[in-house]
Amino acid sequence: DIYESFEQEMTHASRFSDIVEKGKRFLDEHGDEQFFLFLHTYEVHTPYTPPPEYLEMFDPGYDGDLGEEITLQYLRSVFENPVRLRVSEKDRRHIVAAYDGEIRNMDAAFGDLIADLRERQLYDKTLIVFTSDHGEEFGERGRHGWHSWTLYDELLTVPLLIKLPESRYRGRIVGEVARGIDVLPTFVDLLDIDTDQPFEGHSLMDRVLNRRSDVVFAVSQRDYVGKLPTSIRTARWKLYDGALYDLAADPVERRDVSAEHPHVKAALDANLAVIRSHSALGDADPIELDEALRRELRDLGYIQ
């Protein structure tokens, strides 16, 4: 397998189209070999700087004060002063439009990549996975363009699309919980790699092929000084910060139903305790960050 990283060359100003072009050059050299190509982009990330035509597409005629770029500095100031810097509904729609404009521009670049694979006659025999690491909040909990301070589903739910070689099982939608830790064992399963490496996750092909029927628990954790806020969920239920949510009836997580369903809360608590005891979850030793890494994390919006 051949792997080449372009990530060091990327900045927040990079367009995914630039990354795709680098990927094409990689395929020029290695497209006739077995390869692993990982393309990563910060385009759908603060600051939001969509091409003007896509911003106009999603918010035509905007006449407010925010302009064509939604800066990280502005979003941080709103995060730190939500009472003093209240975002109007017009400006909220503009922020979302800027985010959607970047998604639309990235989609165009991804489509270009797919077209290039087809032209090279690589599409049919290539395994393609498209996913993300987090969502964004746009006013659901009082913050805008932020993604690192809660564990509600607007931040945890992400796309996961898998195209198998020869497009096997095309159009299949698996209505079960899928987790980030399931992606690697899915690769190992699909590529028939023989390994004794233990995984916390499970191959998602178990669900596609009905090889498993047990309940899947997804655990999410937010690092925070002093405690580690944690959530646990199934396809229907979610326990977070002592509150139980019925996601089928309340997908936006507004109503705590733990009093009505104490047995469900107790079961999730018990499963979380078991998962903690068998995984790396727990109180980790703090680490010291050098100033360069601290500055990079601050620019990404992960620390203050």
C-alpha atoms as a PDB file:
ATOM      1  CA  ASP A   1       0.000   0.000   0.000  1.00  0.00           C
ATOM      2  CA  ILE A   2       1.175   3.525  -0.764  1.00  0.00           C
ATOM      3  CA  TYR A   3       0.217   6.452   1.398  1.00  0.00           C
ATOM      4  CA  GLU A   4       1.207  10.058   0.963  1.00  0.00           C
ATOM      5  CA  SER A   5       0.043  12.829   3.287  1.00  0.00           C
ATOM      6  CA  PHE A   6      -0.876  16.283   2.015  1.00  0.00           C
ATOM      7  CA  GLU A   7      -2.175  17.486   5.357  1.00  0.00           C
ATOM      8  CA  GLN A   8       0.928  19.476   6.260  1.00  0.00           C
ATOM      9  CA  GLU A   9       0.327  21.665   3.213  1.00  0.00           C
ATOM     10  CA  MET A  10      -3.249  22.476   4.188  1.00  0.00           C
ATOM     11  CA  THR A  11      -4.523  25.617   5.824  1.00  0.00           C
ATOM     12  CA  HIS A  12      -7.981  26.859   6.691  1.00  0.00           C
ATOM     13  CA  ALA A  13      -7.874  28.871   3.468  1.00  0.00           C
ATOM     14  CA  SER A  14      -7.422  25.691   1.404  1.00  0.00           C
ATOM     15  CA  ARG A  15     -10.283  24.576  -0.770  1.00  0.00           C
ATOM     16  CA  PHE A  16     -11.073  20.905  -1.022  1.00  0.00           C
ATOM     17  CA  SER A  17     -10.663  21.344  -4.775  1.00  0.00           C
ATOM     18  CA  ASP A  18      -6.962  22.032  -4.127  1.00  0.00           C
ATOM     19  CA  ILE A  19      -6.685  18.825  -2.094  1.00  0.00           C
ATOM     20  CA  VAL A  20      -8.490  16.871  -4.833  1.00  0.00           C
ATOM     21  CA  GLU A  21      -5.991  18.154  -7.388  1.00  0.00           C
ATOM     22  CA  LYS A  22      -3.164  16.823  -5.210  1.00  0.00           C
ATOM     23  CA  GLY A  23      -5.035  13.521  -5.037  1.00  0.00           C
ATOM     24  CA  LYS A  24      -5.258  13.405  -8.815  1.00  0.00           C
ATOM     25  CA  ARG A  25      -1.495  13.889  -9.082  1.00  0.00           C
ATOM     26  CA  PHE A  26      -1.060  11.020  -6.638  1.00  0.00           C
ATOM     27  CA  LEU A  27      -3.282   8.848  -8.859  1.00  0.00           C
ATOM     28  CA  ASP A  28      -1.228   9.843 -11.900  1.00  0.00           C
ATOM     29  CA  GLU A  29       1.725   8.109 -10.253  1.00  0.00           C
ATOM     30  CA  HIS A  30       0.050   5.295  -8.317  1.00  0.00           C
ATOM     31  CA  GLY A  31      -3.389   4.720  -9.820  1.00  0.00           C
ATOM     32  CA  ASP A  32      -2.252   1.445 -11.391  1.00  0.00           C
ATOM     33  CA  GLU A  33      -1.066   0.114  -8.001  1.00  0.00           C
ATOM     34  CA  GLN A  34      -2.855  -0.880  -4.835  1.00  0.00           C
ATOM     35  CA  PHE A  35      -3.174   2.384  -2.910  1.00  0.00           C
ATOM     36  CA  PHE A  36      -4.667   4.047   0.134  1.00  0.00           C
ATOM     37  CA  LEU A  37      -5.499   7.698  -0.485  1.00  0.00           C
ATOM     38  CA  PHE A  38      -6.701   9.845   2.420  1.00  0.00           C
ATOM     39  CA  LEU A  39      -7.977  13.328   1.539  1.00  0.00           C
ATOM     40  CA  HIS A  40      -8.802  15.636   4.410  1.00  0.00           C
ATOM     41  CA  THR A  41     -10.152  19.170   4.325  1.00  0.00           C
ATOM     42  CA  TYR A  42     -10.812  22.022   6.747  1.00  0.00           C
ATOM     43  CA  GLU A  43     -13.003  23.791   4.206  1.00  0.00           C
ATOM     44  CA  VAL A  44     -16.244  23.015   6.074  1.00  0.00           C
ATOM     45  CA  HIS A  45     -14.827  24.507   9.245  1.00  0.00           C
ATOM     46  CA  THR A  46     -14.515  27.952  10.780  1.00  0.00           C
ATOM     47  CA  PRO A  47     -13.860  30.468   9.398  1.00  0.00           C
ATOM     48  CA  TYR A  48     -16.672  30.140   6.855  1.00  0.00           C
ATOM     49  CA  THR A  49     -15.447  31.614   3.562  1.00  0.00           C
ATOM     50  CA  PRO A  50     -17.618  30.179   0.779  1.00  0.00           C
ATOM     51  CA  PRO A  51     -17.324  31.337  -2.813  1.00  0.00           C
ATOM     52  CA  PRO A  52     -19.670  34.331  -3.250  1.00  0.00           C
ATOM     53  CA  GLU A  53     -21.915  32.503  -5.725  1.00  0.00           C
ATOM     54  CA  TYR A  54     -22.674  29.770  -3.199  1.00  0.00           C
ATOM     55  CA  LEU A  55     -23.262  32.223  -0.376  1.00  0.00           C
ATOM     56  CA  GLU A  56     -25.746  34.042  -2.616  1.00  0.00           C
ATOM     57  CA  MET A  57     -27.345  30.706  -3.508  1.00  0.00           C
ATOM     58  CA  PHE A  58     -28.209  29.978   0.134  1.00  0.00           C
ATOM     59  CA  ASP A  59     -28.878  33.522   1.375  1.00  0.00           C
ATOM     60  CA  PRO A  60     -29.825  35.761  -1.545  1.00  0.00           C
ATOM     61  CA  GLY A  61     -30.198  39.456  -0.846  1.00  0.00           C
ATOM     62  CA  TYR A  62     -28.647  39.450   2.642  1.00  0.00           C
ATOM     63  CA  ASP A  63     -28.227  43.064   3.793  1.00  0.00           C
ATOM     64  CA  GLY A  64     -26.807  42.613   7.290  1.00  0.00           C
ATOM     65  CA  ASP A  65     -23.397  43.466   8.737  1.00  0.00           C
ATOM     66  CA  LEU A  66     -21.606  40.105   8.662  1.00  0.00           C
ATOM     67  CA  GLY A  67     -20.287  40.149   5.111  1.00  0.00           C
ATOM     68  CA  GLU A  68     -19.007  37.251   3.016  1.00  0.00           C
ATOM     69  CA  GLU A  69     -16.656  35.787   5.651  1.00  0.00           C
ATOM     70  CA  ILE A  70     -17.768  34.490   9.043  1.00  0.00           C
ATOM     71  CA  THR A  71     -14.565  34.719  11.065  1.00  0.00           C
ATOM     72  CA  LEU A  72     -13.527  32.563  13.969  1.00  0.00           C
ATOM     73  CA  GLN A  73     -12.938  35.738  15.979  1.00  0.00           C
ATOM     74  CA  TYR A  74     -16.578  36.776  15.527  1.00  0.00           C
ATOM     75  CA  LEU A  75     -17.911  33.338  16.434  1.00  0.00           C
ATOM     76  CA  ARG A  76     -15.636  33.175  19.489  1.00  0.00           C
ATOM     77  CA  SER A  77     -16.850  36.587  20.663  1.00  0.00           C
ATOM     78  CA  VAL A  78     -20.460  35.390  20.357  1.00  0.00           C
ATOM     79  CA  PHE A  79     -19.552  32.203  22.254  1.00  0.00           C
ATOM     80  CA  GLU A  80     -17.940  34.165  25.069  1.00  0.00           C
ATOM     81  CA  ASN A  81     -20.619  36.879  25.254  1.00  0.00           C
ATOM     82  CA  PRO A  82     -23.930  35.263  24.189  1.00  0.00           C
ATOM     83  CA  VAL A  83     -26.048  37.807  26.083  1.00  0.00           C
ATOM     84  CA  ARG A  84     -24.283  40.950  24.890  1.00  0.00           C
ATOM     85  CA  LEU A  85     -23.788  39.703  21.325  1.00  0.00           C
ATOM     86  CA  ARG A  86     -27.136  38.151  20.527  1.00  0.00           C
ATOM     87  CA  VAL A  87     -27.373  36.864  16.963  1.00  0.00           C
ATOM     88  CA  SER A  88     -30.471  37.952  15.074  1.00  0.00           C
ATOM     89  CA  GLU A  89     -32.429  35.401  13.065  1.00  0.00           C
ATOM     90  CA  LYS A  90     -31.309  37.123   9.852  1.00  0.00           C
ATOM     91  CA  ASP A  91     -27.661  36.875  10.851  1.00  0.00           C
ATOM     92  CA  ARG A  92     -28.125  33.271  12.041  1.00  0.00           C
ATOM     93  CA  ARG A  93     -29.462  32.333   8.618  1.00  0.00           C
ATOM     94  CA  HIS A  94     -26.470  34.069   7.030  1.00  0.00           C
ATOM     95  CA  ILE A  95     -24.017  32.117   9.199  1.00  0.00           C
ATOM     96  CA  VAL A  96     -25.754  28.865   8.260  1.00  0.00           C
ATOM     97  CA  ALA A  97     -25.750  29.924   4.600  1.00  0.00           C
ATOM     98  CA  ALA A  98     -21.992  30.492   4.735  1.00  0.00           C
ATOM     99  CA  TYR A  99     -21.573  27.008   6.221  1.00  0.00           C
ATOM    100  CA  ASP A 100     -23.874  25.498   3.589  1.00  0.00           C
ATOM    101  CA  GLY A 101     -21.990  27.370   0.868  1.00  0.00           C
ATOM    102  CA  GLU A 102     -18.754  25.737   1.937  1.00  0.00           C
ATOM    103  CA  ILE A 103     -20.459  22.332   1.984  1.00  0.00           C
ATOM    104  CA  ARG A 104     -21.762  22.955  -1.533  1.00  0.00           C
ATOM    105  CA  ASN A 105     -18.322  23.946  -2.778  1.00  0.00           C
ATOM    106  CA  MET A 106     -16.752  20.887  -1.150  1.00  0.00           C
ATOM    107  CA  ASP A 107     -19.458  18.667  -2.687  1.00  0.00           C
ATOM    108  CA  ALA A 108     -18.497  19.966  -6.120  1.00  0.00           C
ATOM    109  CA  ALA A 109     -14.862  19.029  -5.514  1.00  0.00           C
ATOM    110  CA  PHE A 110     -15.847  15.582  -4.247  1.00  0.00           C
ATOM    111  CA  GLY A 111     -17.947  15.099  -7.365  1.00  0.00           C
ATOM    112  CA  ASP A 112     -14.902  16.025  -9.437  1.00  0.00           C
ATOM    113  CA  LEU A 113     -12.904  13.339  -7.625  1.00  0.00           C
ATOM    114  CA  ILE A 114     -15.572  10.722  -8.338  1.00  0.00           C
ATOM    115  CA  ALA A 115     -15.678  11.747 -12.002  1.00  0.00           C
ATOM    116  CA  ASP A 116     -11.888  11.441 -12.176  1.00  0.00           C
ATOM    117  CA  LEU A 117     -12.000   7.923 -10.708  1.00  0.00           C
ATOM    118  CA  ARG A 118     -14.587   6.964 -13.315  1.00  0.00           C
ATOM    119  CA  GLU A 119     -12.455   8.410 -16.115  1.00  0.00           C
ATOM    120  CA  ARG A 120      -9.479   6.379 -14.913  1.00  0.00           C
ATOM    121  CA  GLN A 121     -11.724   3.283 -14.711  1.00  0.00           C
ATOM    122  CA  LEU A 122     -10.914   3.021 -11.000  1.00  0.00           C
ATOM    123  CA  TYR A 123     -14.355   3.801  -9.588  1.00  0.00           C
ATOM    124  CA  ASP A 124     -15.841   0.307  -9.824  1.00  0.00           C
ATOM    125  CA  LYS A 125     -12.961  -1.412  -8.036  1.00  0.00           C
ATOM    126  CA  THR A 126     -12.331   1.276  -5.396  1.00  0.00           C
ATOM    127  CA  LEU A 127     -13.634   1.289  -1.816  1.00  0.00           C
ATOM    128  CA  ILE A 128     -14.711   4.861  -1.019  1.00  0.00           C
ATOM    129  CA  VAL A 129     -15.599   6.139   2.436  1.00  0.00           C
ATOM    130  CA  PHE A 130     -16.907   9.642   3.080  1.00  0.00           C
ATOM    131  CA  THR A 131     -17.291  10.863   6.657  1.00  0.00           C
ATOM    132  CA  SER A 132     -16.651  13.694   9.102  1.00  0.00           C
ATOM    133  CA  ASP A 133     -15.542  14.023  12.705  1.00  0.00           C
ATOM    134  CA  HIS A 134     -18.205  16.394  14.082  1.00  0.00           C
ATOM    135  CA  GLY A 135     -21.138  18.626  13.288  1.00  0.00           C
ATOM    136  CA  GLU A 136     -21.740  22.267  14.160  1.00  0.00           C
ATOM    137  CA  GLU A 137     -24.154  24.082  16.424  1.00  0.00           C
ATOM    138  CA  PHE A 138     -26.188  26.942  14.993  1.00  0.00           C
ATOM    139  CA  GLY A 139     -28.190  28.285  17.903  1.00  0.00           C
ATOM    140  CA  GLU A 140     -29.605  25.014  19.241  1.00  0.00           C
ATOM    141  CA  ARG A 141     -27.940  25.587  22.640  1.00  0.00           C
ATOM    142  CA  GLY A 142     -27.172  29.289  22.370  1.00  0.00           C
ATOM    143  CA  ARG A 143     -23.894  29.132  20.455  1.00  0.00           C
ATOM    144  CA  HIS A 144     -23.165  29.501  16.734  1.00  0.00           C
ATOM    145  CA  GLY A 145     -20.564  27.788  14.580  1.00  0.00           C
ATOM    146  CA  TRP A 146     -19.203  25.854  17.543  1.00  0.00           C
ATOM    147  CA  HIS A 147     -18.558  22.162  18.045  1.00  0.00           C
ATOM    148  CA  SER A 148     -16.542  21.428  21.152  1.00  0.00           C
ATOM    149  CA  TRP A 149     -18.604  22.213  24.219  1.00  0.00           C
ATOM    150  CA  THR A 150     -21.546  19.750  24.314  1.00  0.00           C
ATOM    151  CA  LEU A 151     -22.393  16.170  23.357  1.00  0.00           C
ATOM    152  CA  TYR A 152     -25.784  16.808  21.795  1.00  0.00           C
ATOM    153  CA  ASP A 153     -26.581  15.212  18.455  1.00  0.00           C
ATOM    154  CA  GLU A 154     -26.185  18.366  16.360  1.00  0.00           C
ATOM    155  CA  LEU A 155     -22.473  17.920  17.105  1.00  0.00           C
ATOM    156  CA  LEU A 156     -22.222  14.123  17.250  1.00  0.00           C
ATOM    157  CA  THR A 157     -24.239  13.081  14.192  1.00  0.00           C
ATOM    158  CA  VAL A 158     -22.066  12.997  11.061  1.00  0.00           C
ATOM    159  CA  PRO A 159     -22.378  11.601   7.535  1.00  0.00           C
ATOM    160  CA  LEU A 160     -20.980   8.153   6.793  1.00  0.00           C
ATOM    161  CA  LEU A 161     -21.229   6.938   3.199  1.00  0.00           C
ATOM    162  CA  ILE A 162     -19.484   3.756   2.049  1.00  0.00           C
ATOM    163  CA  LYS A 163     -19.242   2.736  -1.611  1.00  0.00           C
ATOM    164  CA  LEU A 164     -18.094  -0.857  -1.973  1.00  0.00           C
ATOM    165  CA  PRO A 165     -16.206  -2.203  -4.983  1.00  0.00           C
ATOM    166  CA  GLU A 166     -18.603  -2.978  -7.819  1.00  0.00           C
ATOM    167  CA  SER A 167     -21.154  -0.926  -5.834  1.00  0.00           C
ATOM    168  CA  ARG A 168     -22.286  -3.986  -3.913  1.00  0.00           C
ATOM    169  CA  TYR A 169     -25.353  -3.387  -1.692  1.00  0.00           C
ATOM    170  CA  ARG A 170     -25.899  -0.049  -3.453  1.00  0.00           C
ATOM    171  CA  GLY A 171     -28.679   2.049  -1.965  1.00  0.00           C
ATOM    172  CA  ARG A 172     -28.698   0.130   1.324  1.00  0.00           C
ATOM    173  CA  ILE A 173     -29.403   2.304   4.371  1.00  0.00           C
ATOM    174  CA  VAL A 174     -28.543   0.776   7.727  1.00  0.00           C
ATOM    175  CA  GLY A 175     -30.783   2.273  10.393  1.00  0.00           C
ATOM    176  CA  GLU A 176     -28.554   1.309  13.295  1.00  0.00           C
ATOM    177  CA  VAL A 177     -25.998   3.176  15.356  1.00  0.00           C
ATOM    178  CA  ALA A 178     -22.645   3.509  13.602  1.00  0.00           C
ATOM    179  CA  ARG A 179     -19.570   4.798  15.400  1.00  0.00           C
ATOM    180  CA  GLY A 180     -16.219   6.217  14.436  1.00  0.00           C
ATOM    181  CA  ILE A 181     -14.531   3.216  16.054  1.00  0.00           C
ATOM    182  CA  ASP A 182     -16.401   0.952  13.617  1.00  0.00           C
ATOM    183  CA  VAL A 183     -14.738   2.348  10.491  1.00  0.00           C
ATOM    184  CA  LEU A 184     -11.360   0.618  10.834  1.00  0.00           C
ATOM    185  CA  PRO A 185     -12.757  -2.887  11.560  1.00  0.00           C
ATOM    186  CA  THR A 186     -15.088  -2.353   8.590  1.00  0.00           C
ATOM    187  CA  PHE A 187     -12.033  -1.751   6.383  1.00  0.00           C
ATOM    188  CA  VAL A 188     -10.371  -4.876   7.739  1.00  0.00           C
ATOM    189  CA  ASP A 189     -13.516  -6.904   7.068  1.00  0.00           C
ATOM    190  CA  LEU A 190     -14.114  -5.588   3.538  1.00  0.00           C
ATOM    191  CA  LEU A 191     -10.480  -5.963   2.497  1.00  0.00           C
ATOM    192  CA  ASP A 192     -10.251  -9.423   4.100  1.00  0.00           C
ATOM    193  CA  ILE A 193      -7.170  -8.467   6.102  1.00  0.00           C
ATOM    194  CA  ASP A 194      -5.976 -11.169   8.474  1.00  0.00           C
ATOM    195  CA  THR A 195      -5.108  -9.554  11.801  1.00  0.00           C
ATOM    196  CA  ASP A 196      -5.111 -10.410  15.486  1.00  0.00           C
ATOM    197  CA  GLN A 197      -5.445  -6.713  16.357  1.00  0.00           C
ATOM    198  CA  PRO A 198      -8.337  -6.241  18.817  1.00  0.00           C
ATOM    199  CA  PHE A 199     -10.840  -3.495  18.046  1.00  0.00           C
ATOM    200  CA  GLU A 200     -13.318  -1.746  20.316  1.00  0.00           C
ATOM    201  CA  GLY A 201     -15.617  -1.295  17.331  1.00  0.00           C
ATOM    202  CA  HIS A 202     -17.233  -3.815  15.004  1.00  0.00           C
ATOM    203  CA  SER A 203     -17.492  -4.137  11.255  1.00  0.00           C
ATOM    204  CA  LEU A 204     -20.546  -2.311   9.926  1.00  0.00           C
ATOM    205  CA  MET A 205     -20.933  -5.172   7.454  1.00  0.00           C
ATOM    206  CA  ASP A 206     -22.340  -7.146  10.400  1.00  0.00           C
ATOM    207  CA  ARG A 207     -25.451  -4.992  10.080  1.00  0.00           C
ATOM    208  CA  VAL A 208     -25.559  -5.026   6.301  1.00  0.00           C
ATOM    209  CA  LEU A 209     -25.361  -8.823   6.230  1.00  0.00           C
ATOM    210  CA  ASN A 210     -27.440  -9.354   9.405  1.00  0.00           C
ATOM    211  CA  ARG A 211     -24.561 -11.121  11.158  1.00  0.00           C
ATOM    212  CA  ARG A 212     -25.320  -9.318  14.436  1.00  0.00           C
ATOM    213  CA  SER A 213     -28.578  -8.419  16.137  1.00  0.00           C
ATOM    214  CA  ASP A 214     -27.418  -7.129  19.521  1.00  0.00           C
ATOM    215  CA  VAL A 215     -27.945  -3.534  20.662  1.00  0.00           C
ATOM    216  CA  VAL A 216     -25.120  -1.161  19.748  1.00  0.00           C
ATOM    217  CA  PHE A 217     -24.062   1.430  22.318  1.00  0.00           C
ATOM    218  CA  ALA A 218     -22.268   4.560  21.146  1.00  0.00           C
ATOM    219  CA  VAL A 219     -20.230   6.370  23.789  1.00  0.00           C
ATOM    220  CA  SER A 220     -18.999   9.914  23.279  1.00  0.00           C
ATOM    221  CA  GLN A 221     -16.716  11.857  25.571  1.00  0.00           C
ATOM    222  CA  ARG A 222     -15.631  15.469  25.818  1.00  0.00           C
ATOM    223  CA  ASP A 223     -12.307  16.166  27.471  1.00  0.00           C
ATOM    224  CA  TYR A 224     -12.610  18.819  30.119  1.00  0.00           C
ATOM    225  CA  VAL A 225     -10.486  19.825  33.082  1.00  0.00           C
ATOM    226  CA  GLY A 226     -11.860  18.268  36.266  1.00  0.00           C
ATOM    227  CA  LYS A 227     -14.321  15.853  34.685  1.00  0.00           C
ATOM    228  CA  LEU A 228     -15.015  14.001  31.458  1.00  0.00           C
ATOM    229  CA  PRO A 229     -18.612  14.585  30.334  1.00  0.00           C
ATOM    230  CA  THR A 230     -19.859  11.439  28.642  1.00  0.00           C
ATOM    231  CA  SER A 231     -22.932  10.355  26.708  1.00  0.00           C
ATOM    232  CA  ILE A 232     -24.181   6.889  25.799  1.00  0.00           C
ATOM    233  CA  ARG A 233     -26.871   6.127  23.257  1.00  0.00           C
ATOM    234  CA  THR A 234     -28.639   3.463  21.265  1.00  0.00           C
ATOM    235  CA  ALA A 235     -30.677   4.025  18.118  1.00  0.00           C
ATOM    236  CA  ARG A 236     -33.562   5.286  20.292  1.00  0.00           C
ATOM    237  CA  TRP A 237     -32.278   6.320  23.723  1.00  0.00           C
ATOM    238  CA  LYS A 238     -29.542   8.692  24.851  1.00  0.00           C
ATOM    239  CA  LEU A 239     -28.250   9.417  28.342  1.00  0.00           C
ATOM    240  CA  TYR A 240     -26.236  12.609  28.720  1.00  0.00           C
ATOM    241  CA  ASP A 241     -25.427  14.740  31.761  1.00  0.00           C
ATOM    242  CA  GLY A 242     -27.982  12.856  33.881  1.00  0.00           C
ATOM    243  CA  ALA A 243     -30.820  13.389  31.390  1.00  0.00           C
ATOM    244  CA  LEU A 244     -32.492  10.678  29.328  1.00  0.00           C
ATOM    245  CA  TYR A 245     -33.775  11.506  25.845  1.00  0.00           C
ATOM    246  CA  ASP A 246     -36.151   9.494  23.674  1.00  0.00           C
ATOM    247  CA  LEU A 247     -34.614  10.296  20.281  1.00  0.00           C
ATOM    248  CA  ALA A 248     -37.526   8.778  18.369  1.00  0.00           C
ATOM    249  CA  ALA A 249     -39.992  11.222  19.932  1.00  0.00           C
ATOM    250  CA  ASP A 250     -37.557  14.060  20.699  1.00  0.00           C
ATOM    251  CA  PRO A 251     -34.667  14.097  18.188  1.00  0.00           C
ATOM    252  CA  VAL A 252     -33.573  17.602  19.244  1.00  0.00           C
ATOM    253  CA  GLU A 253     -33.047  16.448  22.866  1.00  0.00           C
ATOM    254  CA  ARG A 254     -35.206  18.939  24.725  1.00  0.00           C
ATOM    255  CA  ARG A 255     -37.170  16.779  27.164  1.00  0.00           C
ATOM    256  CA  ASP A 256     -35.660  14.685  29.946  1.00  0.00           C
ATOM    257  CA  VAL A 257     -37.775  11.507  30.282  1.00  0.00           C
ATOM    258  CA  SER A 258     -35.702   9.741  32.924  1.00  0.00           C
ATOM    259  CA  ALA A 259     -38.571   9.943  35.431  1.00  0.00           C
ATOM    260  CA  GLU A 260     -40.886   8.123  33.007  1.00  0.00           C
ATOM    261  CA  HIS A 261     -38.287   5.494  32.036  1.00  0.00           C
ATOM    262  CA  PRO A 262     -36.043   4.855  35.056  1.00  0.00           C
ATOM    263  CA  HIS A 263     -35.268   1.310  33.889  1.00  0.00           C
ATOM    264  CA  VAL A 264     -33.863   2.621  30.598  1.00  0.00           C
ATOM    265  CA  LYS A 265     -31.657   5.138  32.407  1.00  0.00           C
ATOM    266  CA  ALA A 266     -30.422   2.441  34.793  1.00  0.00           C
ATOM    267  CA  ALA A 267     -29.632   0.099  31.894  1.00  0.00           C
ATOM    268  CA  LEU A 268     -27.656   2.779  30.034  1.00  0.00           C
ATOM    269  CA  ASP A 269     -25.758   3.684  33.210  1.00  0.00           C
ATOM    270  CA  ALA A 270     -24.892   0.028  33.750  1.00  0.00           C
ATOM    271  CA  ASN A 271     -23.719  -0.450  30.171  1.00  0.00           C
ATOM    272  CA  LEU A 272     -21.620   2.701  30.366  1.00  0.00           C
ATOM    273  CA  ALA A 273     -19.902   1.350  33.472  1.00  0.00           C
ATOM    274  CA  VAL A 274     -19.122  -1.915  31.663  1.00  0.00           C
ATOM    275  CA  ILE A 275     -17.820  -0.109  28.565  1.00  0.00           C
ATOM    276  CA  ARG A 276     -15.625   2.135  30.711  1.00  0.00           C
ATOM    277  CA  SER A 277     -14.135  -0.874  32.460  1.00  0.00           C
ATOM    278  CA  HIS A 278     -13.183  -2.517  29.145  1.00  0.00           C
ATOM    279  CA  SER A 279     -11.942   0.486  27.196  1.00  0.00           C
ATOM    280  CA  ALA A 280      -9.606   3.451  27.311  1.00  0.00           C
ATOM    281  CA  LEU A 281     -12.405   5.720  28.545  1.00  0.00           C
ATOM    282  CA  GLY A 282     -11.790   7.265  31.894  1.00  0.00           C
ATOM    283  CA  ASP A 283      -9.773   9.916  33.639  1.00  0.00           C
ATOM    284  CA  ALA A 284      -6.611  10.359  31.641  1.00  0.00           C
ATOM    285  CA  ASP A 285      -3.437  11.932  32.936  1.00  0.00           C
ATOM    286  CA  PRO A 286      -3.162  15.579  31.835  1.00  0.00           C
ATOM    287  CA  ILE A 287      -0.538  16.465  29.250  1.00  0.00           C
ATOM    288  CA  GLU A 288       1.388  19.660  28.737  1.00  0.00           C
ATOM    289  CA  LEU A 289       0.882  21.423  25.400  1.00  0.00           C
ATOM    290  CA  ASP A 290       3.705  23.382  23.817  1.00  0.00           C
ATOM    291  CA  GLU A 291       2.792  26.840  22.549  1.00  0.00           C
ATOM    292  CA  ALA A 292       2.756  25.837  18.867  1.00  0.00           C
ATOM    293  CA  LEU A 293       0.241  23.037  19.469  1.00  0.00           C
ATOM    294  CA  ARG A 294      -1.786  25.238  21.791  1.00  0.00           C
ATOM    295  CA  ARG A 295      -1.951  27.930  19.095  1.00  0.00           C
ATOM    296  CA  GLU A 296      -3.032  25.388  16.464  1.00  0.00           C
ATOM    297  CA  LEU A 297      -5.804  24.023  18.707  1.00  0.00           C
ATOM    298  CA  ARG A 298      -6.913  27.570  19.516  1.00  0.00           C
ATOM    299  CA  ASP A 299      -7.089  28.421  15.804  1.00  0.00           C
ATOM    300  CA  LEU A 300      -9.259  25.333  15.284  1.00  0.00           C
ATOM    301  CA  GLY A 301     -11.606  26.445  18.055  1.00  0.00           C
ATOM    302  CA  TYR A 302     -10.910  23.488  20.367  1.00  0.00           C
ATOM    303  CA  ILE A 303      -9.453  25.481  23.254  1.00  0.00           C
ATOM    304  CA  GLN A 304      -9.839  29.069  24.444  1.00  0.00           C
END
